[in-house]
């Protein structure tokens, strides 16, 4: 599985967005929820899809359009969602502390996806 960390650069954008949030991914009673989780929950469906699309794209995956977002059970206390793209591929997006997304999905190949071998010499120009 290919994974990557993504810092939410659009936190300012999320602050001003309103809408109906999707429930089901709330912190346990007595636990302090991540402030970014509350902002994501406050987004309308289109803005949530856009946020997850950017996380998927920045993680190095391809997705032309997210057609569905499902709230998953909490992963070790962290909010998580499944984003389904128009090509049928699913990505699991887990919110880490500090507004960082952990994206996992099926490894992809193609010109956008370059494999870097550890300790490999730089390519000769």
N, C-alpha and C. Protein backbone atom coordinates (compact mmCIF):
# COMPACT_ATOMS: atom_id res chain seq x y z
N UNK A 1 0.83 -1.17 0.00
CA UNK A 1 0.00 0.00 0.00
C UNK A 1 0.88 1.24 0.00
N UNK A 2 0.51 2.17 -0.80
CA UNK A 2 1.25 3.42 -0.87
C UNK A 2 0.59 4.42 0.07
N UNK A 3 1.40 5.07 0.89
CA UNK A 3 0.85 6.02 1.83
C UNK A 3 1.65 7.30 1.81
N UNK A 4 1.03 8.35 2.26
CA UNK A 4 1.72 9.64 2.32
C UNK A 4 1.03 10.50 3.36
N UNK A 5 1.78 11.40 3.92
CA UNK A 5 1.25 12.39 4.85
C UNK A 5 0.96 13.66 4.08
N UNK A 6 -0.11 14.29 4.41
CA UNK A 6 -0.50 15.52 3.74
C UNK A 6 -0.94 16.53 4.78
N UNK A 7 -0.30 17.69 4.76
CA UNK A 7 -0.71 18.76 5.64
C UNK A 7 -1.82 19.54 4.96
N UNK A 8 -2.86 19.82 5.68
CA UNK A 8 -3.97 20.57 5.11
C UNK A 8 -3.57 22.02 4.94
N UNK A 9 -3.27 22.40 3.71
CA UNK A 9 -2.90 23.78 3.44
C UNK A 9 -4.13 24.67 3.39
N UNK A 10 -5.27 24.07 3.16
CA UNK A 10 -6.48 24.86 3.01
C UNK A 10 -7.25 25.05 4.30
N UNK A 11 -6.59 25.05 5.43
CA UNK A 11 -7.29 25.20 6.70
C UNK A 11 -8.08 26.50 6.75
N UNK A 12 -7.52 27.55 6.18
CA UNK A 12 -8.23 28.83 6.16
C UNK A 12 -9.50 28.71 5.33
N UNK A 13 -9.42 27.96 4.23
CA UNK A 13 -10.59 27.76 3.38
C UNK A 13 -11.67 27.01 4.15
N UNK A 14 -11.27 26.03 4.93
CA UNK A 14 -12.23 25.22 5.66
C UNK A 14 -12.94 26.01 6.74
N UNK A 15 -12.28 26.99 7.29
CA UNK A 15 -12.83 27.76 8.40
C UNK A 15 -14.11 28.47 8.01
N UNK A 16 -14.16 29.05 6.81
CA UNK A 16 -15.31 29.84 6.42
C UNK A 16 -16.41 29.06 5.73
N UNK A 17 -16.22 27.77 5.53
CA UNK A 17 -17.20 26.99 4.79
C UNK A 17 -18.23 26.41 5.75
N UNK A 18 -19.47 26.50 5.37
CA UNK A 18 -20.52 25.93 6.19
C UNK A 18 -21.21 24.81 5.45
N UNK A 19 -22.18 24.22 6.06
CA UNK A 19 -22.94 23.17 5.41
C UNK A 19 -23.29 22.10 6.41
N UNK A 20 -24.00 21.11 5.92
CA UNK A 20 -24.38 20.03 6.80
C UNK A 20 -23.26 19.03 6.86
N UNK A 21 -22.88 18.66 8.05
CA UNK A 21 -21.79 17.71 8.22
C UNK A 21 -22.31 16.30 8.24
N UNK A 22 -21.44 15.36 7.92
CA UNK A 22 -21.79 13.96 8.00
C UNK A 22 -21.44 13.44 9.37
N UNK A 23 -22.37 12.85 10.04
CA UNK A 23 -22.12 12.37 11.39
C UNK A 23 -21.48 11.00 11.38
N UNK A 24 -21.41 10.39 12.56
CA UNK A 24 -20.92 9.04 12.66
C UNK A 24 -19.44 8.92 12.95
N UNK A 25 -18.69 10.00 12.87
CA UNK A 25 -17.26 9.91 13.08
C UNK A 25 -16.87 10.78 14.27
N UNK A 26 -17.75 10.91 15.22
CA UNK A 26 -17.53 11.78 16.36
C UNK A 26 -16.58 11.14 17.35
N UNK A 27 -15.87 11.98 18.10
CA UNK A 27 -14.95 11.49 19.11
C UNK A 27 -15.75 10.82 20.23
N UNK A 28 -15.09 9.94 20.94
CA UNK A 28 -15.73 9.24 22.04
C UNK A 28 -16.12 10.25 23.12
N UNK A 29 -17.18 9.97 23.87
CA UNK A 29 -17.58 10.89 24.93
C UNK A 29 -16.42 11.13 25.90
N UNK A 30 -16.20 12.38 26.25
CA UNK A 30 -15.12 12.72 27.15
C UNK A 30 -13.80 13.00 26.45
N UNK A 31 -13.69 12.61 25.17
CA UNK A 31 -12.45 12.85 24.42
C UNK A 31 -12.53 14.23 23.77
N UNK A 32 -11.38 14.87 23.63
CA UNK A 32 -11.33 16.17 22.98
C UNK A 32 -11.20 15.95 21.48
N UNK A 33 -12.19 16.38 20.68
CA UNK A 33 -12.10 16.16 19.23
C UNK A 33 -11.04 17.08 18.61
N UNK A 34 -10.46 16.61 17.53
CA UNK A 34 -9.49 17.40 16.78
C UNK A 34 -10.24 18.59 16.17
N UNK A 35 -9.73 19.82 16.30
CA UNK A 35 -10.42 20.98 15.72
C UNK A 35 -10.60 20.85 14.21
N UNK A 36 -9.66 20.21 13.53
CA UNK A 36 -9.79 20.04 12.08
C UNK A 36 -10.92 19.09 11.75
N UNK A 37 -11.15 18.10 12.59
CA UNK A 37 -12.27 17.18 12.38
C UNK A 37 -13.59 17.93 12.40
N UNK A 38 -13.73 18.86 13.32
CA UNK A 38 -14.95 19.66 13.40
C UNK A 38 -15.12 20.51 12.14
N UNK A 39 -14.04 21.03 11.60
CA UNK A 39 -14.12 21.83 10.37
C UNK A 39 -14.52 20.96 9.19
N UNK A 40 -13.98 19.75 9.12
CA UNK A 40 -14.34 18.84 8.02
C UNK A 40 -15.80 18.44 8.14
N UNK A 41 -16.25 18.15 9.36
CA UNK A 41 -17.65 17.79 9.58
C UNK A 41 -18.60 18.93 9.20
N UNK A 42 -18.13 20.18 9.32
CA UNK A 42 -18.97 21.33 9.01
C UNK A 42 -19.06 21.61 7.51
N UNK A 43 -18.22 20.97 6.71
CA UNK A 43 -18.23 21.21 5.26
C UNK A 43 -19.46 20.59 4.62
N UNK A 44 -19.94 21.22 3.53
CA UNK A 44 -20.99 20.59 2.75
C UNK A 44 -20.36 19.45 1.94
N UNK A 45 -21.17 18.63 1.31
CA UNK A 45 -20.69 17.43 0.62
C UNK A 45 -19.66 17.77 -0.46
N UNK A 46 -19.92 18.79 -1.26
CA UNK A 46 -19.00 19.14 -2.35
C UNK A 46 -17.65 19.62 -1.83
N UNK A 47 -17.63 20.41 -0.77
CA UNK A 47 -16.37 20.89 -0.22
C UNK A 47 -15.59 19.75 0.44
N UNK A 48 -16.30 18.81 1.07
CA UNK A 48 -15.63 17.65 1.67
C UNK A 48 -14.99 16.81 0.57
N UNK A 49 -15.71 16.61 -0.54
CA UNK A 49 -15.15 15.85 -1.67
C UNK A 49 -13.92 16.57 -2.24
N UNK A 50 -13.99 17.89 -2.35
CA UNK A 50 -12.85 18.65 -2.85
C UNK A 50 -11.64 18.52 -1.93
N UNK A 51 -11.87 18.58 -0.63
CA UNK A 51 -10.79 18.44 0.35
C UNK A 51 -10.14 17.06 0.23
N UNK A 52 -10.95 16.02 0.13
CA UNK A 52 -10.41 14.67 0.02
C UNK A 52 -9.77 14.44 -1.35
N UNK A 53 -10.33 15.06 -2.40
CA UNK A 53 -9.71 14.96 -3.72
C UNK A 53 -8.29 15.50 -3.68
N UNK A 54 -8.12 16.64 -3.02
CA UNK A 54 -6.78 17.25 -2.93
C UNK A 54 -5.84 16.36 -2.13
N UNK A 55 -6.33 15.74 -1.08
CA UNK A 55 -5.50 14.82 -0.29
C UNK A 55 -5.07 13.63 -1.13
N UNK A 56 -5.98 13.07 -1.91
CA UNK A 56 -5.67 11.93 -2.79
C UNK A 56 -4.65 12.34 -3.84
N UNK A 57 -4.88 13.47 -4.47
CA UNK A 57 -3.98 13.96 -5.51
C UNK A 57 -2.58 14.23 -4.95
N UNK A 58 -2.51 14.92 -3.82
CA UNK A 58 -1.22 15.23 -3.20
C UNK A 58 -0.49 13.98 -2.73
N UNK A 59 -1.24 12.92 -2.47
CA UNK A 59 -0.63 11.65 -2.06
C UNK A 59 -0.06 10.90 -3.26
N UNK A 60 -0.28 11.41 -4.47
CA UNK A 60 0.28 10.78 -5.65
C UNK A 60 -0.64 9.80 -6.36
N UNK A 61 -1.90 9.78 -5.99
CA UNK A 61 -2.87 8.92 -6.64
C UNK A 61 -3.62 9.71 -7.71
N UNK A 62 -4.30 8.99 -8.61
CA UNK A 62 -5.13 9.66 -9.59
C UNK A 62 -6.60 9.42 -9.26
N UNK A 63 -7.37 10.45 -9.49
CA UNK A 63 -8.80 10.39 -9.26
C UNK A 63 -9.38 11.59 -10.00
N UNK A 64 -10.22 11.32 -10.99
CA UNK A 64 -10.81 12.44 -11.73
C UNK A 64 -11.92 13.10 -10.94
N UNK A 65 -12.67 12.29 -10.21
CA UNK A 65 -13.80 12.83 -9.44
C UNK A 65 -14.17 11.87 -8.33
N UNK A 66 -14.42 12.40 -7.16
CA UNK A 66 -14.91 11.59 -6.05
C UNK A 66 -16.43 11.54 -6.17
N UNK A 67 -16.95 10.33 -6.25
CA UNK A 67 -18.39 10.18 -6.41
C UNK A 67 -19.11 9.88 -5.10
N UNK A 68 -18.33 9.42 -4.08
CA UNK A 68 -18.98 9.05 -2.83
C UNK A 68 -17.96 9.13 -1.69
N UNK A 69 -18.43 9.63 -0.55
CA UNK A 69 -17.61 9.66 0.66
C UNK A 69 -18.41 8.98 1.77
N UNK A 70 -17.80 7.97 2.37
CA UNK A 70 -18.43 7.25 3.48
C UNK A 70 -17.61 7.49 4.75
N UNK A 71 -18.30 7.68 5.84
CA UNK A 71 -17.65 7.79 7.13
C UNK A 71 -17.38 6.39 7.64
N UNK A 72 -16.14 6.15 8.06
CA UNK A 72 -15.74 4.84 8.57
C UNK A 72 -15.66 4.90 10.09
N UNK A 73 -15.67 3.73 10.74
CA UNK A 73 -15.45 3.73 12.19
C UNK A 73 -14.08 4.33 12.50
N UNK A 74 -13.95 4.89 13.67
CA UNK A 74 -12.70 5.53 14.06
C UNK A 74 -11.56 4.52 14.03
N UNK A 75 -10.40 4.98 13.55
CA UNK A 75 -9.20 4.15 13.46
C UNK A 75 -8.26 4.56 14.58
N UNK A 76 -8.21 3.76 15.63
CA UNK A 76 -7.40 4.07 16.81
C UNK A 76 -7.73 5.47 17.35
N UNK A 77 -9.02 5.79 17.36
CA UNK A 77 -9.48 7.08 17.88
C UNK A 77 -9.43 8.22 16.87
N UNK A 78 -8.97 7.95 15.65
CA UNK A 78 -8.85 9.01 14.63
C UNK A 78 -9.99 8.90 13.63
N UNK A 79 -10.50 10.06 13.20
CA UNK A 79 -11.57 10.10 12.21
C UNK A 79 -11.05 9.55 10.89
N UNK A 80 -11.88 8.78 10.20
CA UNK A 80 -11.48 8.24 8.89
C UNK A 80 -12.69 8.14 7.97
N UNK A 81 -12.39 8.24 6.68
CA UNK A 81 -13.40 8.22 5.64
C UNK A 81 -12.92 7.35 4.48
N UNK A 82 -13.88 6.85 3.69
CA UNK A 82 -13.57 6.15 2.45
C UNK A 82 -14.08 7.02 1.30
N UNK A 83 -13.18 7.40 0.41
CA UNK A 83 -13.55 8.18 -0.77
C UNK A 83 -13.51 7.25 -1.97
N UNK A 84 -14.61 7.19 -2.71
CA UNK A 84 -14.70 6.36 -3.91
C UNK A 84 -14.64 7.26 -5.13
N UNK A 85 -13.69 6.97 -6.02
CA UNK A 85 -13.52 7.77 -7.23
C UNK A 85 -14.36 7.20 -8.37
N UNK A 86 -14.49 7.98 -9.43
CA UNK A 86 -15.30 7.59 -10.57
C UNK A 86 -14.77 6.34 -11.27
N UNK A 87 -13.49 6.01 -11.08
CA UNK A 87 -12.93 4.81 -11.68
C UNK A 87 -13.15 3.57 -10.81
N UNK A 88 -13.85 3.73 -9.69
CA UNK A 88 -14.18 2.63 -8.81
C UNK A 88 -13.15 2.35 -7.72
N UNK A 89 -12.02 3.06 -7.72
CA UNK A 89 -11.01 2.85 -6.69
C UNK A 89 -11.40 3.57 -5.41
N UNK A 90 -11.13 2.91 -4.29
CA UNK A 90 -11.41 3.47 -2.97
C UNK A 90 -10.12 3.89 -2.30
N UNK A 91 -10.18 4.98 -1.54
CA UNK A 91 -9.05 5.47 -0.76
C UNK A 91 -9.54 5.68 0.66
N UNK A 92 -8.74 5.23 1.62
CA UNK A 92 -9.06 5.46 3.03
C UNK A 92 -8.25 6.66 3.48
N UNK A 93 -8.94 7.64 4.03
CA UNK A 93 -8.33 8.89 4.47
C UNK A 93 -8.53 8.99 5.98
N UNK A 94 -7.42 9.05 6.70
CA UNK A 94 -7.46 9.12 8.16
C UNK A 94 -6.86 10.44 8.60
N UNK A 95 -7.59 11.15 9.46
CA UNK A 95 -7.12 12.43 9.98
C UNK A 95 -6.19 12.19 11.15
N UNK A 96 -4.95 12.65 11.00
CA UNK A 96 -3.94 12.53 12.05
C UNK A 96 -3.95 13.82 12.88
N UNK A 97 -3.38 13.81 14.06
CA UNK A 97 -3.32 15.03 14.86
C UNK A 97 -2.63 16.17 14.11
N UNK A 98 -3.14 17.38 14.28
CA UNK A 98 -2.55 18.54 13.63
C UNK A 98 -3.07 18.80 12.24
N UNK A 99 -4.16 18.15 11.84
CA UNK A 99 -4.73 18.40 10.52
C UNK A 99 -3.98 17.75 9.39
N UNK A 100 -3.38 16.60 9.62
CA UNK A 100 -2.63 15.88 8.60
C UNK A 100 -3.44 14.66 8.18
N UNK A 101 -3.55 14.46 6.86
CA UNK A 101 -4.26 13.29 6.35
C UNK A 101 -3.27 12.18 6.05
N UNK A 102 -3.66 10.95 6.34
CA UNK A 102 -2.95 9.74 5.94
C UNK A 102 -3.83 9.09 4.90
N UNK A 103 -3.32 8.96 3.68
CA UNK A 103 -4.11 8.43 2.56
C UNK A 103 -3.54 7.07 2.17
N UNK A 104 -4.39 6.07 2.04
CA UNK A 104 -3.94 4.77 1.58
C UNK A 104 -4.86 4.28 0.48
N UNK A 105 -4.28 3.55 -0.44
CA UNK A 105 -5.05 3.03 -1.56
C UNK A 105 -4.22 2.03 -2.34
N UNK A 106 -4.68 1.71 -3.52
CA UNK A 106 -4.01 0.76 -4.39
C UNK A 106 -2.82 1.45 -5.06
N UNK A 107 -1.62 0.82 -5.04
CA UNK A 107 -0.47 1.43 -5.74
C UNK A 107 -0.79 1.64 -7.21
N UNK A 108 -0.34 2.75 -7.77
CA UNK A 108 -0.61 3.07 -9.16
C UNK A 108 0.69 3.24 -9.93
N UNK A 109 0.60 3.06 -11.24
CA UNK A 109 1.77 3.21 -12.10
C UNK A 109 1.46 4.21 -13.19
N UNK A 110 2.47 4.63 -13.90
CA UNK A 110 2.29 5.57 -15.00
C UNK A 110 3.32 6.67 -14.90
N UNK A 111 3.28 7.64 -15.83
CA UNK A 111 4.30 8.68 -15.86
C UNK A 111 4.30 9.56 -14.62
N UNK A 112 3.17 9.69 -13.95
CA UNK A 112 3.11 10.54 -12.77
C UNK A 112 3.70 9.86 -11.55
N UNK A 113 3.82 8.54 -11.60
CA UNK A 113 4.25 7.77 -10.45
C UNK A 113 5.63 7.20 -10.72
N UNK A 114 6.63 7.82 -10.15
CA UNK A 114 8.01 7.38 -10.34
C UNK A 114 8.47 6.64 -9.10
N UNK A 115 9.05 5.49 -9.32
CA UNK A 115 9.58 4.71 -8.21
C UNK A 115 11.00 5.17 -7.93
N UNK A 116 11.26 5.51 -6.70
CA UNK A 116 12.58 5.95 -6.29
C UNK A 116 13.17 4.86 -5.42
N UNK A 117 14.33 4.35 -5.83
CA UNK A 117 14.99 3.31 -5.06
C UNK A 117 15.88 3.97 -4.01
N UNK A 118 15.84 3.47 -2.78
CA UNK A 118 16.69 4.05 -1.74
C UNK A 118 18.17 3.88 -2.10
N UNK A 119 18.95 4.89 -1.81
CA UNK A 119 20.39 4.90 -2.03
C UNK A 119 20.78 4.75 -3.51
N UNK A 120 19.87 5.04 -4.40
CA UNK A 120 20.18 4.96 -5.83
C UNK A 120 20.91 6.23 -6.24
N UNK A 121 21.90 6.12 -7.12
CA UNK A 121 22.60 7.33 -7.57
C UNK A 121 21.67 8.19 -8.40
N UNK A 122 21.90 9.49 -8.42
CA UNK A 122 21.04 10.37 -9.21
C UNK A 122 21.18 10.05 -10.69
N UNK A 123 20.12 10.28 -11.47
CA UNK A 123 20.18 9.97 -12.90
C UNK A 123 21.22 10.86 -13.59
N UNK A 124 21.85 10.30 -14.61
CA UNK A 124 22.85 11.04 -15.39
C UNK A 124 22.14 11.91 -16.40
N UNK A 125 22.47 13.22 -16.45
CA UNK A 125 21.77 14.11 -17.39
C UNK A 125 22.07 13.81 -18.84
